[in-house]
Amino acid sequence: TQNGLLAVVDFDHTPLKVFEQWMNLNHVEISGRLFPQLKNTFQEKNSETKSSYFGLWKYTLFLGGK
């Protein structure tokens, strides 16, 4: 839409390779590749990266529009 917003929450990073491999087995990619693409495609309104489960993974919240 012309004035719409896009909100995305996704896994971004994990410092533990074994956890990344486990998530890949479950068809979950933790690479952080999505967010640079979103920032190149949409005008960023807000973006926050947060840590979860004592640093086991990080996730990013992205809000953007055209």
C-alpha atoms as a PDB file:
ATOM      1  CA  THR A   1       0.000   0.000   0.000  1.00  0.00           C
ATOM      2  CA  GLN A   2       1.067   3.602  -0.440  1.00  0.00           C
ATOM      3  CA  ASN A   3       1.064   4.613   3.227  1.00  0.00           C
ATOM      4  CA  GLY A   4       1.224   1.224   4.902  1.00  0.00           C
ATOM      5  CA  LEU A   5       3.667  -0.026   7.470  1.00  0.00           C
ATOM      6  CA  LEU A   6       5.527  -3.310   7.603  1.00  0.00           C
ATOM      7  CA  ALA A   7       6.392  -4.855  10.972  1.00  0.00           C
ATOM      8  CA  VAL A   8       8.817  -7.788  11.169  1.00  0.00           C
ATOM      9  CA  VAL A   9      10.171  -9.705  14.162  1.00  0.00           C
ATOM     10  CA  ASP A  10      12.753 -12.388  13.444  1.00  0.00           C
ATOM     11  CA  PHE A  11      15.765 -14.222  14.816  1.00  0.00           C
ATOM     12  CA  ASP A  12      18.905 -12.249  14.091  1.00  0.00           C
ATOM     13  CA  HIS A  13      21.988 -13.840  15.663  1.00  0.00           C
ATOM     14  CA  THR A  14      23.240 -16.506  18.055  1.00  0.00           C
ATOM     15  CA  PRO A  15      26.767 -16.764  19.437  1.00  0.00           C
ATOM     16  CA  LEU A  16      26.450 -20.557  19.703  1.00  0.00           C
ATOM     17  CA  LYS A  17      27.095 -22.456  16.473  1.00  0.00           C
ATOM     18  CA  VAL A  18      25.469 -25.609  17.900  1.00  0.00           C
ATOM     19  CA  PHE A  19      22.227 -23.689  18.556  1.00  0.00           C
ATOM     20  CA  GLU A  20      22.304 -22.267  15.022  1.00  0.00           C
ATOM     21  CA  GLN A  21      22.751 -25.781  13.617  1.00  0.00           C
ATOM     22  CA  TRP A  22      19.879 -27.080  15.769  1.00  0.00           C
ATOM     23  CA  MET A  23      17.602 -24.295  14.554  1.00  0.00           C
ATOM     24  CA  ASN A  24      18.608 -25.006  10.938  1.00  0.00           C
ATOM     25  CA  LEU A  25      17.491 -28.621  11.433  1.00  0.00           C
ATOM     26  CA  ASN A  26      14.107 -27.156  12.409  1.00  0.00           C
ATOM     27  CA  HIS A  27      14.021 -24.999   9.245  1.00  0.00           C
ATOM     28  CA  VAL A  28      14.834 -21.773  11.111  1.00  0.00           C
ATOM     29  CA  GLU A  29      17.625 -19.609   9.718  1.00  0.00           C
ATOM     30  CA  ILE A  30      19.456 -17.360  12.168  1.00  0.00           C
ATOM     31  CA  SER A  31      21.675 -15.318   9.890  1.00  0.00           C
ATOM     32  CA  GLY A  32      20.619 -11.691  10.141  1.00  0.00           C
ATOM     33  CA  ARG A  33      20.423 -11.476   6.331  1.00  0.00           C
ATOM     34  CA  LEU A  34      16.805 -10.347   6.365  1.00  0.00           C
ATOM     35  CA  PHE A  35      17.293  -6.990   8.077  1.00  0.00           C
ATOM     36  CA  PRO A  36      19.768  -5.372   5.651  1.00  0.00           C
ATOM     37  CA  GLN A  37      17.372  -6.315   2.840  1.00  0.00           C
ATOM     38  CA  LEU A  38      14.451  -4.748   4.707  1.00  0.00           C
ATOM     39  CA  LYS A  39      16.471  -1.576   5.339  1.00  0.00           C
ATOM     40  CA  ASN A  40      17.346  -1.369   1.624  1.00  0.00           C
ATOM     41  CA  THR A  41      13.745  -1.916   0.530  1.00  0.00           C
ATOM     42  CA  PHE A  42      11.748   0.080   3.086  1.00  0.00           C
ATOM     43  CA  GLN A  43      12.199   3.374   4.869  1.00  0.00           C
ATOM     44  CA  GLU A  44      13.119   2.404   8.417  1.00  0.00           C
ATOM     45  CA  LYS A  45      10.818   3.893  11.050  1.00  0.00           C
ATOM     46  CA  ASN A  46      12.196   1.912  13.991  1.00  0.00           C
ATOM     47  CA  SER A  47      14.533  -1.022  14.517  1.00  0.00           C
ATOM     48  CA  GLU A  48      15.537  -2.650  17.800  1.00  0.00           C
ATOM     49  CA  THR A  49      17.694  -5.686  18.489  1.00  0.00           C
ATOM     50  CA  LYS A  50      17.117  -7.473  21.775  1.00  0.00           C
ATOM     51  CA  SER A  51      18.708 -10.394  23.555  1.00  0.00           C
ATOM     52  CA  SER A  52      16.731 -13.400  24.759  1.00  0.00           C
ATOM     53  CA  TYR A  53      17.293 -16.368  27.052  1.00  0.00           C
ATOM     54  CA  PHE A  54      20.478 -15.004  28.622  1.00  0.00           C
ATOM     55  CA  GLY A  55      22.038 -14.264  25.237  1.00  0.00           C
ATOM     56  CA  LEU A  56      21.227 -17.584  23.552  1.00  0.00           C
ATOM     57  CA  TRP A  57      19.886 -15.602  20.607  1.00  0.00           C
ATOM     58  CA  LYS A  58      19.107 -12.066  19.523  1.00  0.00           C
ATOM     59  CA  TYR A  59      16.027 -10.993  17.662  1.00  0.00           C
ATOM     60  CA  THR A  60      15.250  -7.796  15.812  1.00  0.00           C
ATOM     61  CA  LEU A  61      12.032  -5.827  15.555  1.00  0.00           C
ATOM     62  CA  PHE A  62      11.782  -3.786  12.346  1.00  0.00           C
ATOM     63  CA  LEU A  63       9.141  -1.228  11.435  1.00  0.00           C
ATOM     64  CA  GLY A  64       9.301   0.320   7.992  1.00  0.00           C
ATOM     65  CA  GLY A  65       7.273   1.854   5.214  1.00  0.00           C
ATOM     66  CA  LYS A  66       7.542   3.078   1.638  1.00  0.00           C
END
